[in-house]
C-alpha atoms as a PDB file:
ATOM      1  CA  UNK A   1     -21.057  -5.735 -16.287  1.00  0.00           C
ATOM      2  CA  UNK A   2     -17.957  -4.335 -17.979  1.00  0.00           C
ATOM      3  CA  UNK A   3     -15.616  -2.733 -15.445  1.00  0.00           C
ATOM      4  CA  UNK A   4     -12.389  -0.822 -16.069  1.00  0.00           C
ATOM      5  CA  UNK A   5      -9.999  -0.092 -13.218  1.00  0.00           C
ATOM      6  CA  UNK A   6      -7.811   2.966 -13.741  1.00  0.00           C
ATOM      7  CA  UNK A   7      -4.582   3.742 -11.865  1.00  0.00           C
ATOM      8  CA  UNK A   8      -2.707   6.746 -13.236  1.00  0.00           C
ATOM      9  CA  UNK A   9      -0.268   8.344 -12.881  1.00  0.00           C
ATOM     10  CA  UNK A  10       1.946   5.921 -10.964  1.00  0.00           C
ATOM     11  CA  UNK A  11       5.465   6.792  -9.837  1.00  0.00           C
ATOM     12  CA  UNK A  12       6.555   3.238  -8.968  1.00  0.00           C
ATOM     13  CA  UNK A  13       5.703  -0.306  -9.975  1.00  0.00           C
ATOM     14  CA  UNK A  14       4.996  -1.280  -6.400  1.00  0.00           C
ATOM     15  CA  UNK A  15       1.884  -0.900  -4.223  1.00  0.00           C
ATOM     16  CA  UNK A  16      -1.064   0.247  -6.362  1.00  0.00           C
ATOM     17  CA  UNK A  17       0.645  -0.906  -9.561  1.00  0.00           C
ATOM     18  CA  UNK A  18       0.875  -4.479  -8.319  1.00  0.00           C
ATOM     19  CA  UNK A  19      -2.374  -4.593  -6.364  1.00  0.00           C
ATOM     20  CA  UNK A  20      -4.464  -3.292  -9.281  1.00  0.00           C
ATOM     21  CA  UNK A  21      -2.994  -5.961 -11.582  1.00  0.00           C
ATOM     22  CA  UNK A  22      -3.632  -8.674  -9.020  1.00  0.00           C
ATOM     23  CA  UNK A  23      -7.175  -7.424  -8.453  1.00  0.00           C
ATOM     24  CA  UNK A  24      -8.157  -7.470 -12.120  1.00  0.00           C
ATOM     25  CA  UNK A  25      -6.494 -10.865 -12.567  1.00  0.00           C
ATOM     26  CA  UNK A  26      -8.625 -12.165  -9.682  1.00  0.00           C
ATOM     27  CA  UNK A  27     -11.735 -10.725 -11.347  1.00  0.00           C
ATOM     28  CA  UNK A  28     -10.802 -12.356 -14.625  1.00  0.00           C
ATOM     29  CA  UNK A  29     -10.331 -15.669 -12.803  1.00  0.00           C
ATOM     30  CA  UNK A  30     -13.886 -15.315 -11.488  1.00  0.00           C
ATOM     31  CA  UNK A  31     -15.127 -14.875 -15.068  1.00  0.00           C
ATOM     32  CA  UNK A  32     -15.705 -11.132 -14.699  1.00  0.00           C
ATOM     33  CA  UNK A  33     -15.300  -8.707 -17.607  1.00  0.00           C
ATOM     34  CA  UNK A  34     -12.702  -6.497 -15.943  1.00  0.00           C
ATOM     35  CA  UNK A  35      -9.878  -4.548 -17.565  1.00  0.00           C
ATOM     36  CA  UNK A  36      -7.091  -2.310 -16.287  1.00  0.00           C
ATOM     37  CA  UNK A  37      -5.660   0.990 -17.539  1.00  0.00           C
ATOM     38  CA  UNK A  38      -2.367   2.106 -15.971  1.00  0.00           C
ATOM     39  CA  UNK A  39      -0.372   5.256 -16.601  1.00  0.00           C
ATOM     40  CA  UNK A  40       3.208   4.964 -15.358  1.00  0.00           C
ATOM     41  CA  UNK A  41       6.076   7.455 -15.179  1.00  0.00           C
ATOM     42  CA  UNK A  42       9.032   6.741 -17.450  1.00  0.00           C
ATOM     43  CA  UNK A  43      11.215   6.988 -14.326  1.00  0.00           C
ATOM     44  CA  UNK A  44       9.105   4.615 -12.241  1.00  0.00           C
ATOM     45  CA  UNK A  45      11.035   2.340  -9.909  1.00  0.00           C
ATOM     46  CA  UNK A  46      10.481  -1.373 -10.369  1.00  0.00           C
ATOM     47  CA  UNK A  47      10.143  -3.540 -13.445  1.00  0.00           C
ATOM     48  CA  UNK A  48       7.302  -3.992 -15.896  1.00  0.00           C
ATOM     49  CA  UNK A  49       6.318  -7.627 -16.480  1.00  0.00           C
ATOM     50  CA  UNK A  50       7.851  -9.005 -19.688  1.00  0.00           C
ATOM     51  CA  UNK A  51       4.396  -9.521 -21.174  1.00  0.00           C
ATOM     52  CA  UNK A  52       1.017  -7.976 -20.337  1.00  0.00           C
ATOM     53  CA  UNK A  53      -2.208  -9.966 -20.475  1.00  0.00           C
ATOM     54  CA  UNK A  54      -4.765  -8.660 -23.004  1.00  0.00           C
ATOM     55  CA  UNK A  55      -6.839  -7.035 -20.276  1.00  0.00           C
ATOM     56  CA  UNK A  56      -4.014  -4.690 -19.189  1.00  0.00           C
ATOM     57  CA  UNK A  57      -3.140  -1.421 -20.929  1.00  0.00           C
ATOM     58  CA  UNK A  58      -0.027   0.324 -19.640  1.00  0.00           C
ATOM     59  CA  UNK A  59       0.987   3.705 -21.052  1.00  0.00           C
ATOM     60  CA  UNK A  60       3.603   6.295 -20.154  1.00  0.00           C
ATOM     61  CA  UNK A  61       2.252   9.214 -18.144  1.00  0.00           C
ATOM     62  CA  UNK A  62       3.929  11.777 -15.919  1.00  0.00           C
ATOM     63  CA  UNK A  63       2.235  13.273 -12.850  1.00  0.00           C
ATOM     64  CA  UNK A  64       3.076  16.885 -13.819  1.00  0.00           C
ATOM     65  CA  UNK A  65       0.377  18.567 -11.685  1.00  0.00           C
ATOM     66  CA  UNK A  66      -2.704  19.910 -13.448  1.00  0.00           C
ATOM     67  CA  UNK A  67      -1.093  19.285 -16.840  1.00  0.00           C
ATOM     68  CA  UNK A  68      -0.798  15.595 -15.967  1.00  0.00           C
ATOM     69  CA  UNK A  69      -4.497  15.395 -15.113  1.00  0.00           C
ATOM     70  CA  UNK A  70      -5.389  16.993 -18.463  1.00  0.00           C
ATOM     71  CA  UNK A  71      -3.131  14.488 -20.248  1.00  0.00           C
ATOM     72  CA  UNK A  72      -4.757  11.625 -18.358  1.00  0.00           C
ATOM     73  CA  UNK A  73      -8.210  12.877 -19.315  1.00  0.00           C
ATOM     74  CA  UNK A  74      -7.246  12.764 -22.992  1.00  0.00           C
ATOM     75  CA  UNK A  75      -5.821   9.266 -22.666  1.00  0.00           C
ATOM     76  CA  UNK A  76      -8.984   8.038 -20.964  1.00  0.00           C
ATOM     77  CA  UNK A  77     -11.174   9.596 -23.653  1.00  0.00           C
ATOM     78  CA  UNK A  78      -9.199   7.625 -26.250  1.00  0.00           C
ATOM     79  CA  UNK A  79      -9.283   4.313 -24.390  1.00  0.00           C
ATOM     80  CA  UNK A  80     -11.553   1.628 -25.818  1.00  0.00           C
ATOM     81  CA  UNK A  81     -11.757  -0.161 -22.465  1.00  0.00           C
ATOM     82  CA  UNK A  82     -12.874   3.038 -20.742  1.00  0.00           C
ATOM     83  CA  UNK A  83     -15.395   3.828 -23.478  1.00  0.00           C
ATOM     84  CA  UNK A  84     -16.965   0.353 -23.311  1.00  0.00           C
ATOM     85  CA  UNK A  85     -17.027   0.092 -19.511  1.00  0.00           C
ATOM     86  CA  UNK A  86     -20.332   0.257 -17.674  1.00  0.00           C
ATOM     87  CA  UNK A  87     -18.480   1.650 -14.676  1.00  0.00           C
ATOM     88  CA  UNK A  88     -14.923   2.754 -13.939  1.00  0.00           C
ATOM     89  CA  UNK A  89     -13.116   2.172 -10.656  1.00  0.00           C
ATOM     90  CA  UNK A  90     -10.503   4.799  -9.862  1.00  0.00           C
ATOM     91  CA  UNK A  91      -7.528   3.705  -7.789  1.00  0.00           C
ATOM     92  CA  UNK A  92      -5.781   7.040  -7.067  1.00  0.00           C
ATOM     93  CA  UNK A  93      -6.738  10.730  -6.574  1.00  0.00           C
ATOM     94  CA  UNK A  94      -5.413  12.075  -9.898  1.00  0.00           C
ATOM     95  CA  UNK A  95      -7.634   9.550 -11.655  1.00  0.00           C
ATOM     96  CA  UNK A  96     -10.572  10.812  -9.571  1.00  0.00           C
ATOM     97  CA  UNK A  97      -9.918  14.353 -10.787  1.00  0.00           C
ATOM     98  CA  UNK A  98      -9.713  13.290 -14.434  1.00  0.00           C
ATOM     99  CA  UNK A  99     -12.836  11.120 -14.255  1.00  0.00           C
ATOM    100  CA  UNK A 100     -14.810  13.922 -12.618  1.00  0.00           C
ATOM    101  CA  UNK A 101     -14.616  15.766 -15.951  1.00  0.00           C
ATOM    102  CA  UNK A 102     -15.925  12.852 -18.035  1.00  0.00           C
ATOM    103  CA  UNK A 103     -19.510  11.699 -18.562  1.00  0.00           C
ATOM    104  CA  UNK A 104     -18.902   8.144 -17.337  1.00  0.00           C
ATOM    105  CA  UNK A 105     -20.155   6.533 -14.119  1.00  0.00           C
ATOM    106  CA  UNK A 106     -17.268   5.905 -11.767  1.00  0.00           C
ATOM    107  CA  UNK A 107     -16.381   4.855  -8.244  1.00  0.00           C
ATOM    108  CA  UNK A 108     -13.458   6.128  -6.170  1.00  0.00           C
ATOM    109  CA  UNK A 109     -11.548   3.365  -4.372  1.00  0.00           C
ATOM    110  CA  UNK A 110      -9.352   5.144  -1.826  1.00  0.00           C
ATOM    111  CA  UNK A 111      -6.198   3.133  -1.111  1.00  0.00           C
ATOM    112  CA  UNK A 112      -4.524   5.835   0.959  1.00  0.00           C
ATOM    113  CA  UNK A 113      -5.084   9.361   2.214  1.00  0.00           C
ATOM    114  CA  UNK A 114      -6.233  11.256  -0.915  1.00  0.00           C
ATOM    115  CA  UNK A 115      -4.479  14.517  -0.062  1.00  0.00           C
ATOM    116  CA  UNK A 116      -1.289  15.371   1.833  1.00  0.00           C
ATOM    117  CA  UNK A 117      -1.375  15.588   5.617  1.00  0.00           C
ATOM    118  CA  UNK A 118       0.023  18.605   7.446  1.00  0.00           C
ATOM    119  CA  UNK A 119       3.793  18.700   7.145  1.00  0.00           C
ATOM    120  CA  UNK A 120       3.896  16.537   4.010  1.00  0.00           C
ATOM    121  CA  UNK A 121       3.769  19.445   1.550  1.00  0.00           C
ATOM    122  CA  UNK A 122       3.346  23.210   1.478  1.00  0.00           C
ATOM    123  CA  UNK A 123       0.111  24.564   2.964  1.00  0.00           C
ATOM    124  CA  UNK A 124      -0.966  25.971  -0.403  1.00  0.00           C
ATOM    125  CA  UNK A 125      -0.450  22.691  -2.257  1.00  0.00           C
ATOM    126  CA  UNK A 126      -2.141  20.704   0.486  1.00  0.00           C
ATOM    127  CA  UNK A 127      -5.220  22.925   0.555  1.00  0.00           C
ATOM    128  CA  UNK A 128      -5.558  23.098  -3.231  1.00  0.00           C
ATOM    129  CA  UNK A 129      -5.175  19.330  -3.553  1.00  0.00           C
ATOM    130  CA  UNK A 130      -7.800  18.673  -0.895  1.00  0.00           C
ATOM    131  CA  UNK A 131     -10.284  21.110  -2.476  1.00  0.00           C
ATOM    132  CA  UNK A 132      -9.834  19.534  -5.917  1.00  0.00           C
ATOM    133  CA  UNK A 133     -10.128  15.975  -4.620  1.00  0.00           C
ATOM    134  CA  UNK A 134     -13.171  16.661  -2.443  1.00  0.00           C
ATOM    135  CA  UNK A 135     -14.833  18.306  -5.443  1.00  0.00           C
ATOM    136  CA  UNK A 136     -14.013  15.291  -7.625  1.00  0.00           C
ATOM    137  CA  UNK A 137     -15.288  12.787  -5.053  1.00  0.00           C
ATOM    138  CA  UNK A 138     -18.670  14.521  -4.930  1.00  0.00           C
ATOM    139  CA  UNK A 139     -19.100  13.478  -8.577  1.00  0.00           C
ATOM    140  CA  UNK A 140     -18.447   9.781  -7.976  1.00  0.00           C
ATOM    141  CA  UNK A 141     -21.278   7.261  -7.660  1.00  0.00           C
ATOM    142  CA  UNK A 142     -19.701   5.822  -4.537  1.00  0.00           C
ATOM    143  CA  UNK A 143     -16.549   6.225  -2.472  1.00  0.00           C
ATOM    144  CA  UNK A 144     -14.839   3.147  -1.050  1.00  0.00           C
ATOM    145  CA  UNK A 145     -12.008   2.925   1.460  1.00  0.00           C
ATOM    146  CA  UNK A 146      -9.785  -0.034   2.270  1.00  0.00           C
ATOM    147  CA  UNK A 147     -10.052   0.202   6.072  1.00  0.00           C
ATOM    148  CA  UNK A 148     -11.950   1.926   8.872  1.00  0.00           C
ATOM    149  CA  UNK A 149      -8.673   3.668   9.790  1.00  0.00           C
ATOM    150  CA  UNK A 150      -8.600   5.404   6.409  1.00  0.00           C
ATOM    151  CA  UNK A 151     -12.315   6.221   6.390  1.00  0.00           C
ATOM    152  CA  UNK A 152     -12.138   7.816   9.822  1.00  0.00           C
ATOM    153  CA  UNK A 153      -8.950   9.722   8.993  1.00  0.00           C
ATOM    154  CA  UNK A 154     -10.278  11.540   5.942  1.00  0.00           C
ATOM    155  CA  UNK A 155     -13.692  12.569   7.343  1.00  0.00           C
ATOM    156  CA  UNK A 156     -15.250  12.903   3.919  1.00  0.00           C
ATOM    157  CA  UNK A 157     -18.710  14.050   4.974  1.00  0.00           C
ATOM    158  CA  UNK A 158     -20.502  11.457   2.838  1.00  0.00           C
ATOM    159  CA  UNK A 159     -21.042   7.724   2.990  1.00  0.00           C
ATOM    160  CA  UNK A 160     -17.826   5.747   2.499  1.00  0.00           C
ATOM    161  CA  UNK A 161     -18.112   1.990   2.020  1.00  0.00           C
ATOM    162  CA  UNK A 162     -15.421  -0.346   3.361  1.00  0.00           C
ATOM    163  CA  UNK A 163     -14.124  -2.623   0.603  1.00  0.00           C
ATOM    164  CA  UNK A 164     -11.213  -4.615   2.046  1.00  0.00           C
ATOM    165  CA  UNK A 165      -8.090  -4.938  -0.089  1.00  0.00           C
ATOM    166  CA  UNK A 166      -6.221  -8.167  -0.564  1.00  0.00           C
ATOM    167  CA  UNK A 167      -3.099  -9.734  -1.968  1.00  0.00           C
ATOM    168  CA  UNK A 168      -2.418 -12.728  -4.137  1.00  0.00           C
ATOM    169  CA  UNK A 169      -1.668 -15.631  -1.749  1.00  0.00           C
ATOM    170  CA  UNK A 170       2.019 -16.229  -1.116  1.00  0.00           C
ATOM    171  CA  UNK A 171       3.762 -19.270   0.349  1.00  0.00           C
ATOM    172  CA  UNK A 172       4.961 -19.276   3.921  1.00  0.00           C
ATOM    173  CA  UNK A 173       8.737 -18.874   4.020  1.00  0.00           C
ATOM    174  CA  UNK A 174       9.453 -19.118   7.749  1.00  0.00           C
ATOM    175  CA  UNK A 175       7.909 -20.493  10.916  1.00  0.00           C
ATOM    176  CA  UNK A 176      10.002 -18.557  13.427  1.00  0.00           C
ATOM    177  CA  UNK A 177      12.196 -21.548  14.257  1.00  0.00           C
ATOM    178  CA  UNK A 178      15.939 -20.937  14.275  1.00  0.00           C
ATOM    179  CA  UNK A 179      17.786 -17.662  13.993  1.00  0.00           C
ATOM    180  CA  UNK A 180      17.494 -15.158  11.202  1.00  0.00           C
ATOM    181  CA  UNK A 181      19.450 -11.946  11.180  1.00  0.00           C
ATOM    182  CA  UNK A 182      17.783  -9.158   9.231  1.00  0.00           C
ATOM    183  CA  UNK A 183      15.163  -6.631  10.272  1.00  0.00           C
ATOM    184  CA  UNK A 184      13.414  -5.455   7.100  1.00  0.00           C
ATOM    185  CA  UNK A 185      11.789  -2.102   6.324  1.00  0.00           C
ATOM    186  CA  UNK A 186      10.081  -1.809   2.917  1.00  0.00           C
ATOM    187  CA  UNK A 187       8.243   1.305   1.769  1.00  0.00           C
ATOM    188  CA  UNK A 188       8.568   4.515  -0.198  1.00  0.00           C
ATOM    189  CA  UNK A 189      11.273   6.760   1.256  1.00  0.00           C
ATOM    190  CA  UNK A 190       8.963   9.621   2.157  1.00  0.00           C
ATOM    191  CA  UNK A 191       7.965  11.565   5.243  1.00  0.00           C
ATOM    192  CA  UNK A 192       4.755   9.648   5.968  1.00  0.00           C
ATOM    193  CA  UNK A 193       6.630   6.329   5.955  1.00  0.00           C
ATOM    194  CA  UNK A 194       8.835   7.633   8.777  1.00  0.00           C
ATOM    195  CA  UNK A 195      12.085   5.886   7.742  1.00  0.00           C
ATOM    196  CA  UNK A 196      14.157   7.866  10.246  1.00  0.00           C
ATOM    197  CA  UNK A 197      12.470   6.023  13.132  1.00  0.00           C
ATOM    198  CA  UNK A 198      13.705   2.699  11.731  1.00  0.00           C
ATOM    199  CA  UNK A 199      17.220   4.093  11.249  1.00  0.00           C
ATOM    200  CA  UNK A 200      17.363   5.333  14.851  1.00  0.00           C
ATOM    201  CA  UNK A 201      15.913   2.058  16.122  1.00  0.00           C
ATOM    202  CA  UNK A 202      18.561   0.006  14.342  1.00  0.00           C
ATOM    203  CA  UNK A 203      21.359   2.390  15.294  1.00  0.00           C
ATOM    204  CA  UNK A 204      20.465   1.802  18.918  1.00  0.00           C
ATOM    205  CA  UNK A 205      20.033  -1.958  18.534  1.00  0.00           C
ATOM    206  CA  UNK A 206      23.073  -2.557  16.317  1.00  0.00           C
ATOM    207  CA  UNK A 207      21.787  -5.700  14.581  1.00  0.00           C
ATOM    208  CA  UNK A 208      21.563  -6.305  10.832  1.00  0.00           C
ATOM    209  CA  UNK A 209      18.907  -4.405   8.868  1.00  0.00           C
ATOM    210  CA  UNK A 210      17.858  -3.720   5.296  1.00  0.00           C
ATOM    211  CA  UNK A 211      15.666  -0.938   3.897  1.00  0.00           C
ATOM    212  CA  UNK A 212      13.965  -1.441   0.533  1.00  0.00           C
ATOM    213  CA  UNK A 213      12.284   1.195  -1.598  1.00  0.00           C
ATOM    214  CA  UNK A 214      12.758   4.471  -3.437  1.00  0.00           C
ATOM    215  CA  UNK A 215      11.613   8.024  -2.939  1.00  0.00           C
ATOM    216  CA  UNK A 216      12.594  11.615  -2.135  1.00  0.00           C
ATOM    217  CA  UNK A 217      14.192  10.843   1.234  1.00  0.00           C
ATOM    218  CA  UNK A 218      16.377   7.992   0.009  1.00  0.00           C
ATOM    219  CA  UNK A 219      19.557  10.064  -0.216  1.00  0.00           C
ATOM    220  CA  UNK A 220      19.027  11.527   3.239  1.00  0.00           C
ATOM    221  CA  UNK A 221      18.424   8.091   4.745  1.00  0.00           C
ATOM    222  CA  UNK A 222      21.522   6.672   3.012  1.00  0.00           C
ATOM    223  CA  UNK A 223      23.650   9.440   4.537  1.00  0.00           C
ATOM    224  CA  UNK A 224      22.321   8.943   8.079  1.00  0.00           C
ATOM    225  CA  UNK A 225      22.118   5.133   8.139  1.00  0.00           C
ATOM    226  CA  UNK A 226      24.665   3.372  10.387  1.00  0.00           C
ATOM    227  CA  UNK A 227      26.902   0.646   8.991  1.00  0.00           C
ATOM    228  CA  UNK A 228      24.553  -2.157  10.089  1.00  0.00           C
ATOM    229  CA  UNK A 229      21.712  -0.771   7.924  1.00  0.00           C
ATOM    230  CA  UNK A 230      21.791  -1.420   4.166  1.00  0.00           C
ATOM    231  CA  UNK A 231      19.678   0.930   2.040  1.00  0.00           C
ATOM    232  CA  UNK A 232      18.540  -0.784  -1.155  1.00  0.00           C
ATOM    233  CA  UNK A 233      16.141  -0.243  -4.029  1.00  0.00           C
ATOM    234  CA  UNK A 234      12.939  -2.160  -4.622  1.00  0.00           C
ATOM    235  CA  UNK A 235      13.130  -5.963  -4.597  1.00  0.00           C
ATOM    236  CA  UNK A 236      10.737  -8.776  -5.447  1.00  0.00           C
ATOM    237  CA  UNK A 237       8.427  -9.937  -2.670  1.00  0.00           C
ATOM    238  CA  UNK A 238      10.149 -13.317  -2.438  1.00  0.00           C
ATOM    239  CA  UNK A 239      13.602 -11.717  -2.146  1.00  0.00           C
ATOM    240  CA  UNK A 240      12.440  -9.345   0.595  1.00  0.00           C
ATOM    241  CA  UNK A 241      11.662 -12.143   3.024  1.00  0.00           C
ATOM    242  CA  UNK A 242      14.436 -14.669   2.279  1.00  0.00           C
ATOM    243  CA  UNK A 243      16.452 -13.850   5.402  1.00  0.00           C
ATOM    244  CA  UNK A 244      13.981 -11.553   7.159  1.00  0.00           C
ATOM    245  CA  UNK A 245      13.746 -12.025  10.919  1.00  0.00           C
ATOM    246  CA  UNK A 246      11.101  -9.337  11.357  1.00  0.00           C
ATOM    247  CA  UNK A 247       9.220  -6.758   9.290  1.00  0.00           C
ATOM    248  CA  UNK A 248       9.140  -3.287  10.825  1.00  0.00           C
ATOM    249  CA  UNK A 249       6.515  -0.776   9.652  1.00  0.00           C
ATOM    250  CA  UNK A 250       7.089   2.728  11.035  1.00  0.00           C
ATOM    251  CA  UNK A 251       4.591   4.809   9.023  1.00  0.00           C
ATOM    252  CA  UNK A 252       2.792   7.731  10.587  1.00  0.00           C
ATOM    253  CA  UNK A 253       0.101   7.198   7.944  1.00  0.00           C
ATOM    254  CA  UNK A 254      -0.619   3.855   6.273  1.00  0.00           C
ATOM    255  CA  UNK A 255      -4.134   3.181   5.005  1.00  0.00           C
ATOM    256  CA  UNK A 256      -3.492  -0.552   4.652  1.00  0.00           C
ATOM    257  CA  UNK A 257       0.104  -1.757   4.495  1.00  0.00           C
ATOM    258  CA  UNK A 258       0.754  -4.130   1.605  1.00  0.00           C
ATOM    259  CA  UNK A 259       4.310  -4.980   2.678  1.00  0.00           C
ATOM    260  CA  UNK A 260       3.102  -5.919   6.151  1.00  0.00           C
ATOM    261  CA  UNK A 261       0.542  -8.322   4.693  1.00  0.00           C
ATOM    262  CA  UNK A 262       3.150  -9.816   2.326  1.00  0.00           C
ATOM    263  CA  UNK A 263       5.474 -10.356   5.278  1.00  0.00           C
ATOM    264  CA  UNK A 264       2.663 -11.917   7.315  1.00  0.00           C
ATOM    265  CA  UNK A 265       1.800 -14.333   4.500  1.00  0.00           C
ATOM    266  CA  UNK A 266       5.473 -15.328   4.427  1.00  0.00           C
ATOM    267  CA  UNK A 267       5.401 -16.017   8.187  1.00  0.00           C
ATOM    268  CA  UNK A 268       7.645 -13.087   9.114  1.00  0.00           C
ATOM    269  CA  UNK A 269       6.927 -11.640  12.594  1.00  0.00           C
ATOM    270  CA  UNK A 270       5.778  -8.019  12.571  1.00  0.00           C
ATOM    271  CA  UNK A 271       6.356  -4.852  14.549  1.00  0.00           C
ATOM    272  CA  UNK A 272       3.885  -2.255  13.290  1.00  0.00           C
ATOM    273  CA  UNK A 273       2.966   1.347  13.788  1.00  0.00           C
ATOM    274  CA  UNK A 274      -0.458   1.894  15.311  1.00  0.00           C
ATOM    275  CA  UNK A 275      -1.212   3.956  12.196  1.00  0.00           C
ATOM    276  CA  UNK A 276      -1.213   0.874   9.912  1.00  0.00           C
ATOM    277  CA  UNK A 277      -4.716   0.095   8.685  1.00  0.00           C
ATOM    278  CA  UNK A 278      -3.765  -3.578   8.486  1.00  0.00           C
ATOM    279  CA  UNK A 279      -2.323  -3.730  12.012  1.00  0.00           C
ATOM    280  CA  UNK A 280      -5.564  -4.702  13.811  1.00  0.00           C
ATOM    281  CA  UNK A 281      -6.328  -7.196  11.034  1.00  0.00           C
ATOM    282  CA  UNK A 282      -2.968  -8.952  11.303  1.00  0.00           C
ATOM    283  CA  UNK A 283      -2.366  -8.816  15.059  1.00  0.00           C
ATOM    284  CA  UNK A 284      -5.592  -9.659  16.858  1.00  0.00           C
ATOM    285  CA  UNK A 285      -4.282 -11.165  20.110  1.00  0.00           C
ATOM    286  CA  UNK A 286      -4.433  -8.397  22.780  1.00  0.00           C
ATOM    287  CA  UNK A 287      -1.165  -9.529  24.392  1.00  0.00           C
ATOM    288  CA  UNK A 288       0.684  -9.477  21.085  1.00  0.00           C
ATOM    289  CA  UNK A 289      -0.929  -6.162  20.192  1.00  0.00           C
ATOM    290  CA  UNK A 290       0.475  -4.593  23.354  1.00  0.00           C
ATOM    291  CA  UNK A 291       3.974  -5.764  22.436  1.00  0.00           C
ATOM    292  CA  UNK A 292       4.011  -5.266  18.670  1.00  0.00           C
ATOM    293  CA  UNK A 293       1.681  -2.402  17.686  1.00  0.00           C
ATOM    294  CA  UNK A 294       3.425   0.803  18.731  1.00  0.00           C
ATOM    295  CA  UNK A 295       3.197   4.562  18.410  1.00  0.00           C
ATOM    296  CA  UNK A 296       5.446   5.743  15.538  1.00  0.00           C
ATOM    297  CA  UNK A 297       7.417   8.429  17.373  1.00  0.00           C
ATOM    298  CA  UNK A 298      10.932   8.901  18.696  1.00  0.00           C
ATOM    299  CA  UNK A 299       9.404   9.240  22.150  1.00  0.00           C
ATOM    300  CA  UNK A 300       8.538   5.533  21.960  1.00  0.00           C
ATOM    301  CA  UNK A 301      11.885   4.420  20.510  1.00  0.00           C
ATOM    302  CA  UNK A 302      12.692   2.251  23.555  1.00  0.00           C
ATOM    303  CA  UNK A 303       9.499   0.237  22.960  1.00  0.00           C
ATOM    304  CA  UNK A 304      10.476  -0.445  19.338  1.00  0.00           C
ATOM    305  CA  UNK A 305      13.959  -1.610  20.304  1.00  0.00           C
ATOM    306  CA  UNK A 306      12.547  -3.749  23.120  1.00  0.00           C
ATOM    307  CA  UNK A 307      10.065  -5.446  20.748  1.00  0.00           C
ATOM    308  CA  UNK A 308      12.837  -6.198  18.257  1.00  0.00           C
ATOM    309  CA  UNK A 309      15.126  -7.694  20.900  1.00  0.00           C
ATOM    310  CA  UNK A 310      12.355  -9.783  22.430  1.00  0.00           C
ATOM    311  CA  UNK A 311      11.489 -11.322  19.051  1.00  0.00           C
ATOM    312  CA  UNK A 312      15.151 -11.993  18.335  1.00  0.00           C
ATOM    313  CA  UNK A 313      15.802 -13.682  21.655  1.00  0.00           C
ATOM    314  CA  UNK A 314      12.544 -15.601  22.234  1.00  0.00           C
ATOM    315  CA  UNK A 315      11.943 -18.417  19.741  1.00  0.00           C
ATOM    316  CA  UNK A 316       8.612 -19.383  21.299  1.00  0.00           C
ATOM    317  CA  UNK A 317       7.366 -15.831  20.772  1.00  0.00           C
ATOM    318  CA  UNK A 318       8.627 -15.801  17.173  1.00  0.00           C
ATOM    319  CA  UNK A 319       6.819 -19.055  16.437  1.00  0.00           C
ATOM    320  CA  UNK A 320       3.614 -17.783  18.016  1.00  0.00           C
ATOM    321  CA  UNK A 321       3.687 -14.485  16.114  1.00  0.00           C
ATOM    322  CA  UNK A 322       4.598 -16.185  12.837  1.00  0.00           C
ATOM    323  CA  UNK A 323       1.654 -18.587  13.010  1.00  0.00           C
ATOM    324  CA  UNK A 324      -0.699 -15.861  14.245  1.00  0.00           C
ATOM    325  CA  UNK A 325      -0.008 -13.465  11.376  1.00  0.00           C
ATOM    326  CA  UNK A 326      -0.048 -16.228   8.732  1.00  0.00           C
ATOM    327  CA  UNK A 327      -3.527 -17.245   9.844  1.00  0.00           C
ATOM    328  CA  UNK A 328      -4.812 -13.666   9.810  1.00  0.00           C
ATOM    329  CA  UNK A 329      -3.181 -12.777   6.490  1.00  0.00           C
ATOM    330  CA  UNK A 330      -4.953 -15.755   4.900  1.00  0.00           C
ATOM    331  CA  UNK A 331      -8.188 -13.769   5.323  1.00  0.00           C
ATOM    332  CA  UNK A 332      -6.828 -10.875   3.224  1.00  0.00           C
ATOM    333  CA  UNK A 333      -6.608 -12.409  -0.244  1.00  0.00           C
ATOM    334  CA  UNK A 334      -7.162 -10.596  -3.503  1.00  0.00           C
ATOM    335  CA  UNK A 335      -9.895 -13.069  -4.430  1.00  0.00           C
ATOM    336  CA  UNK A 336     -11.912 -11.965  -1.402  1.00  0.00           C
ATOM    337  CA  UNK A 337     -11.318  -8.334  -2.375  1.00  0.00           C
ATOM    338  CA  UNK A 338     -12.486  -8.940  -5.958  1.00  0.00           C
ATOM    339  CA  UNK A 339     -15.664 -10.558  -4.701  1.00  0.00           C
ATOM    340  CA  UNK A 340     -16.306  -7.617  -2.364  1.00  0.00           C
ATOM    341  CA  UNK A 341     -15.902  -5.204  -5.288  1.00  0.00           C
ATOM    342  CA  UNK A 342     -18.266  -7.240  -7.448  1.00  0.00           C
ATOM    343  CA  UNK A 343     -20.854  -7.170  -4.670  1.00  0.00           C
ATOM    344  CA  UNK A 344     -20.620  -3.383  -4.301  1.00  0.00           C
ATOM    345  CA  UNK A 345     -20.809  -2.809  -8.060  1.00  0.00           C
ATOM    346  CA  UNK A 346     -23.867  -5.027  -8.387  1.00  0.00           C
ATOM    347  CA  UNK A 347     -25.618  -2.896  -5.774  1.00  0.00           C
ATOM    348  CA  UNK A 348     -25.065   0.393  -7.640  1.00  0.00           C
END
């Protein structure tokens, strides 16, 4: 079966950009005839690999509202990989909308909430986006979601299959022994990632912290961050965890949480929002869950600061959490995800 994954338009070479490349590479390693089509903004944060494998096509494409979807449709119609595919797997909502207008069988693989939540955009834009996406999804052969958290959140009104995501395995970089200094936050600077909670947490705690990413709230966060918090751009996965003492995920909405899984693979202890789809997959011990999976609100700020200080001061706890999350992250590999996708596609 020839399969083409499509992810366009992308505003950064981070989450979906990296995971879609890893996923198709894993399929290729299994001997599967998978290709990838990516449309990326000219202003996208992050770096393109110096050389693409033959199964990757990357083109320039701007989001640009409805005009961007029309442009994407034309690009897809001209793509040889799309034309020859037996089925297409869409990785983001704009791709869903473009594919809904083409006479090709396709599957929607939801990696995050497919329309804005209340408060994340104007009411008009949110409603229009949801209507368009729901209409597009009705035309797909199947809809997949990465986690039960995401499936339950969107309430699609049709069957949604769980196809777990995964990451390329990464080496463990720490075992919790000894002292490290830096609390790390890594995400897009946007309202749903809740960066202000991390800033307030670190302002109260006063220890060293670094924030990695890009996005519309970056300037605001830079202006409000205290002197102990460094606001940086995107960095490579290995650089993120070099001196990380803990990864802190504050999102009010996070379908999976790639950075959390990367940190877990590296052996970095985690403090996660209860809205992370990956949280119950990475922290499965009820006692650790009570300490480290928290509500992402200012009303619970004391709990976040307490968790950070306890990890910093208790080496035995750090070691336990480090080993615990490494073991659980080992079950979330991209190879497992590729095999789950193959199984679903073979059942179509």
